Amino acid sequence: YYHLEDYNKALELMNKGFELDPRGEYCYLNEHYYNRGNVLIKMNKIKDAKKDFKAALNFNLPYFKKNGTPVLKKVMEKMVADVLELL
């Protein structure tokens, strides 16, 4: 839906994803926060987007602690820094 520019539908589905795994036990919530932050930018909700980008840098979530790698952490840090620089 993001690429179709249907940001309301994209946000709706992303929020449902957070409901399914609110503590980040089964998936990389970091990536979900990053993606939702990009949707929020398109919806001109910059303050909320910044909160999501900050949350994307929480590497203490259970799934990331178990399965994350230093490379994945560096990539996410770079992606968040790049997008925040543009805001």
N, C-alpha and C. Protein backbone atom coordinates (compact mmCIF):
# COMPACT_ATOMS: atom_id res chain seq x y z
N TYR A 1 0.82 -1.19 0.00
CA TYR A 1 0.00 0.00 0.00
C TYR A 1 0.86 1.25 0.00
N TYR A 2 2.03 1.18 0.59
CA TYR A 2 2.94 2.33 0.59
C TYR A 2 3.28 2.73 -0.84
N HIS A 3 3.65 1.76 -1.65
CA HIS A 3 4.04 2.06 -3.04
C HIS A 3 2.85 2.46 -3.90
N LEU A 4 1.66 2.09 -3.48
CA LEU A 4 0.44 2.52 -4.16
C LEU A 4 -0.02 3.89 -3.66
N GLU A 5 0.71 4.43 -2.70
CA GLU A 5 0.43 5.71 -2.08
C GLU A 5 -0.90 5.72 -1.33
N ASP A 6 -1.31 4.56 -0.86
CA ASP A 6 -2.50 4.45 0.00
C ASP A 6 -1.98 4.36 1.43
N TYR A 7 -1.59 5.51 1.95
CA TYR A 7 -0.90 5.56 3.24
C TYR A 7 -1.83 5.21 4.41
N ASN A 8 -3.09 5.54 4.29
CA ASN A 8 -4.02 5.18 5.36
C ASN A 8 -4.12 3.67 5.50
N LYS A 9 -4.22 2.97 4.38
CA LYS A 9 -4.31 1.51 4.41
C LYS A 9 -2.99 0.91 4.88
N ALA A 10 -1.88 1.48 4.43
CA ALA A 10 -0.57 1.00 4.87
C ALA A 10 -0.44 1.14 6.38
N LEU A 11 -0.84 2.29 6.91
CA LEU A 11 -0.76 2.51 8.35
C LEU A 11 -1.67 1.56 9.11
N GLU A 12 -2.85 1.34 8.59
CA GLU A 12 -3.79 0.42 9.23
C GLU A 12 -3.20 -0.98 9.35
N LEU A 13 -2.61 -1.47 8.27
CA LEU A 13 -2.03 -2.81 8.28
C LEU A 13 -0.80 -2.89 9.18
N MET A 14 0.00 -1.84 9.17
CA MET A 14 1.19 -1.84 10.02
C MET A 14 0.79 -1.85 11.49
N ASN A 15 -0.24 -1.10 11.84
CA ASN A 15 -0.71 -1.08 13.22
C ASN A 15 -1.21 -2.45 13.64
N LYS A 16 -1.85 -3.16 12.73
CA LYS A 16 -2.30 -4.52 13.04
C LYS A 16 -1.11 -5.43 13.29
N GLY A 17 -0.05 -5.23 12.55
CA GLY A 17 1.16 -6.01 12.77
C GLY A 17 1.72 -5.80 14.17
N PHE A 18 1.69 -4.56 14.64
CA PHE A 18 2.17 -4.27 16.00
C PHE A 18 1.27 -4.93 17.03
N GLU A 19 -0.02 -5.01 16.75
CA GLU A 19 -0.95 -5.67 17.66
C GLU A 19 -0.64 -7.17 17.78
N LEU A 20 -0.19 -7.77 16.69
CA LEU A 20 0.12 -9.21 16.70
C LEU A 20 1.37 -9.55 17.50
N ASP A 21 2.31 -8.63 17.56
CA ASP A 21 3.57 -8.90 18.28
C ASP A 21 4.03 -7.62 18.98
N PRO A 22 3.28 -7.16 19.97
CA PRO A 22 3.58 -5.86 20.58
C PRO A 22 4.92 -5.78 21.31
N ARG A 23 5.46 -6.90 21.73
CA ARG A 23 6.73 -6.88 22.46
C ARG A 23 7.94 -7.24 21.59
N GLY A 24 7.70 -7.53 20.33
CA GLY A 24 8.81 -7.88 19.46
C GLY A 24 9.44 -9.21 19.78
N GLU A 25 8.59 -10.20 20.06
CA GLU A 25 9.10 -11.52 20.39
C GLU A 25 9.27 -12.41 19.16
N TYR A 26 8.54 -12.13 18.09
CA TYR A 26 8.50 -13.04 16.94
C TYR A 26 9.00 -12.42 15.63
N CYS A 27 9.28 -11.14 15.65
CA CYS A 27 9.76 -10.50 14.41
C CYS A 27 10.58 -9.26 14.75
N TYR A 28 11.25 -8.73 13.75
CA TYR A 28 12.04 -7.52 13.91
C TYR A 28 11.11 -6.31 13.94
N LEU A 29 10.68 -5.92 15.12
CA LEU A 29 9.87 -4.72 15.22
C LEU A 29 10.65 -3.49 14.79
N ASN A 30 11.95 -3.56 14.87
CA ASN A 30 12.78 -2.43 14.45
C ASN A 30 12.44 -2.04 13.02
N GLU A 31 12.36 -3.02 12.16
CA GLU A 31 12.04 -2.77 10.75
C GLU A 31 10.61 -2.25 10.60
N HIS A 32 9.70 -2.78 11.39
CA HIS A 32 8.31 -2.31 11.33
C HIS A 32 8.21 -0.85 11.75
N TYR A 33 8.93 -0.49 12.82
CA TYR A 33 8.92 0.91 13.24
C TYR A 33 9.50 1.81 12.14
N TYR A 34 10.58 1.38 11.54
CA TYR A 34 11.20 2.17 10.47
C TYR A 34 10.22 2.36 9.31
N ASN A 35 9.58 1.27 8.90
CA ASN A 35 8.64 1.36 7.78
C ASN A 35 7.43 2.23 8.11
N ARG A 36 6.91 2.08 9.33
CA ARG A 36 5.76 2.91 9.71
C ARG A 36 6.18 4.37 9.80
N GLY A 37 7.39 4.64 10.24
CA GLY A 37 7.89 6.01 10.26
C GLY A 37 7.88 6.63 8.88
N ASN A 38 8.24 5.86 7.88
CA ASN A 38 8.21 6.38 6.50
C ASN A 38 6.79 6.65 6.03
N VAL A 39 5.85 5.82 6.42
CA VAL A 39 4.44 6.07 6.09
C VAL A 39 3.98 7.36 6.77
N LEU A 40 4.33 7.51 8.03
CA LEU A 40 3.92 8.70 8.76
C LEU A 40 4.50 9.98 8.15
N ILE A 41 5.70 9.90 7.62
CA ILE A 41 6.27 11.06 6.91
C ILE A 41 5.37 11.44 5.73
N LYS A 42 4.98 10.44 4.96
CA LYS A 42 4.13 10.70 3.80
C LYS A 42 2.78 11.29 4.21
N MET A 43 2.35 10.98 5.43
CA MET A 43 1.09 11.50 5.94
C MET A 43 1.29 12.84 6.68
N ASN A 44 2.51 13.35 6.64
CA ASN A 44 2.89 14.61 7.27
C ASN A 44 2.71 14.57 8.80
N LYS A 45 2.96 13.42 9.38
CA LYS A 45 2.91 13.25 10.83
C LYS A 45 4.35 13.07 11.32
N ILE A 46 5.10 14.14 11.21
CA ILE A 46 6.54 14.10 11.44
C ILE A 46 6.88 13.75 12.89
N LYS A 47 6.15 14.31 13.84
CA LYS A 47 6.43 14.03 15.25
C LYS A 47 6.26 12.54 15.54
N ASP A 48 5.20 11.94 15.02
CA ASP A 48 4.97 10.51 15.22
C ASP A 48 6.03 9.69 14.48
N ALA A 49 6.43 10.15 13.31
CA ALA A 49 7.45 9.45 12.54
C ALA A 49 8.76 9.41 13.33
N LYS A 50 9.12 10.54 13.92
CA LYS A 50 10.37 10.59 14.69
C LYS A 50 10.32 9.62 15.87
N LYS A 51 9.17 9.48 16.50
CA LYS A 51 9.02 8.52 17.60
C LYS A 51 9.27 7.10 17.10
N ASP A 52 8.73 6.79 15.92
CA ASP A 52 8.93 5.45 15.36
C ASP A 52 10.38 5.22 14.99
N PHE A 53 11.05 6.21 14.45
CA PHE A 53 12.46 6.04 14.10
C PHE A 53 13.29 5.82 15.36
N LYS A 54 12.95 6.53 16.44
CA LYS A 54 13.65 6.31 17.71
C LYS A 54 13.40 4.88 18.19
N ALA A 55 12.16 4.42 18.08
CA ALA A 55 11.83 3.05 18.50
C ALA A 55 12.55 2.02 17.64
N ALA A 56 12.81 2.34 16.39
CA ALA A 56 13.51 1.42 15.49
C ALA A 56 14.93 1.16 15.97
N LEU A 57 15.43 2.04 16.82
CA LEU A 57 16.80 1.88 17.33
C LEU A 57 16.84 1.17 18.68
N ASN A 58 15.72 0.63 19.10
CA ASN A 58 15.68 -0.15 20.35
C ASN A 58 16.10 -1.58 20.03
N PHE A 59 17.34 -1.89 20.30
CA PHE A 59 17.88 -3.20 19.98
C PHE A 59 17.78 -4.17 21.17
N ASN A 60 16.98 -3.79 22.16
CA ASN A 60 16.76 -4.66 23.31
C ASN A 60 15.46 -5.46 23.19
N LEU A 61 14.80 -5.39 22.04
CA LEU A 61 13.60 -6.18 21.84
C LEU A 61 13.97 -7.65 21.76
N PRO A 62 13.13 -8.53 22.30
CA PRO A 62 13.50 -9.95 22.40
C PRO A 62 13.96 -10.59 21.09
N TYR A 63 13.22 -10.38 20.01
CA TYR A 63 13.60 -11.05 18.77
C TYR A 63 14.94 -10.53 18.25
N PHE A 64 15.15 -9.22 18.36
CA PHE A 64 16.42 -8.68 17.89
C PHE A 64 17.56 -9.17 18.76
N LYS A 65 17.35 -9.22 20.07
CA LYS A 65 18.41 -9.69 20.96
C LYS A 65 18.80 -11.13 20.63
N LYS A 66 17.83 -11.92 20.22
CA LYS A 66 18.09 -13.32 19.91
C LYS A 66 18.66 -13.51 18.50
N ASN A 67 18.17 -12.75 17.53
CA ASN A 67 18.50 -13.00 16.13
C ASN A 67 19.23 -11.87 15.42
N GLY A 68 19.30 -10.72 16.04
CA GLY A 68 19.96 -9.59 15.39
C GLY A 68 21.46 -9.78 15.30
N THR A 69 22.06 -9.04 14.41
CA THR A 69 23.51 -9.10 14.24
C THR A 69 24.08 -7.69 14.31
N PRO A 70 25.37 -7.56 14.57
CA PRO A 70 25.98 -6.23 14.56
C PRO A 70 25.81 -5.52 13.22
N VAL A 71 25.85 -6.27 12.13
CA VAL A 71 25.67 -5.66 10.81
C VAL A 71 24.25 -5.13 10.66
N LEU A 72 23.27 -5.91 11.07
CA LEU A 72 21.88 -5.47 10.98
C LEU A 72 21.66 -4.22 11.83
N LYS A 73 22.28 -4.18 12.99
CA LYS A 73 22.18 -3.01 13.86
C LYS A 73 22.77 -1.78 13.18
N LYS A 74 23.94 -1.92 12.58
CA LYS A 74 24.59 -0.79 11.89
C LYS A 74 23.74 -0.31 10.71
N VAL A 75 23.16 -1.24 9.98
CA VAL A 75 22.33 -0.88 8.82
C VAL A 75 21.12 -0.07 9.29
N MET A 76 20.46 -0.53 10.35
CA MET A 76 19.29 0.19 10.85
C MET A 76 19.68 1.56 11.36
N GLU A 77 20.78 1.65 12.06
CA GLU A 77 21.25 2.95 12.56
C GLU A 77 21.50 3.91 11.40
N LYS A 78 22.09 3.41 10.34
CA LYS A 78 22.38 4.25 9.16
C LYS A 78 21.08 4.67 8.48
N MET A 79 20.16 3.75 8.30
CA MET A 79 18.89 4.07 7.64
C MET A 79 18.13 5.14 8.43
N VAL A 80 18.08 4.99 9.74
CA VAL A 80 17.38 5.98 10.57
C VAL A 80 18.09 7.32 10.51
N ALA A 81 19.41 7.33 10.61
CA ALA A 81 20.16 8.59 10.55
C ALA A 81 19.93 9.29 9.22
N ASP A 82 19.91 8.52 8.14
CA ASP A 82 19.71 9.11 6.81
C ASP A 82 18.34 9.77 6.68
N VAL A 83 17.31 9.09 7.16
CA VAL A 83 15.97 9.66 7.02
C VAL A 83 15.78 10.86 7.95
N LEU A 84 16.33 10.80 9.15
CA LEU A 84 16.21 11.93 10.08
C LEU A 84 16.94 13.16 9.56
N GLU A 85 18.01 12.93 8.85
CA GLU A 85 18.77 14.05 8.26
C GLU A 85 17.92 14.81 7.24
N LEU A 86 17.01 14.12 6.59
CA LEU A 86 16.17 14.73 5.56
C LEU A 86 14.98 15.50 6.14
N LEU A 87 14.67 15.23 7.41
CA LEU A 87 13.50 15.89 8.02
C LEU A 87 13.81 17.28 8.50
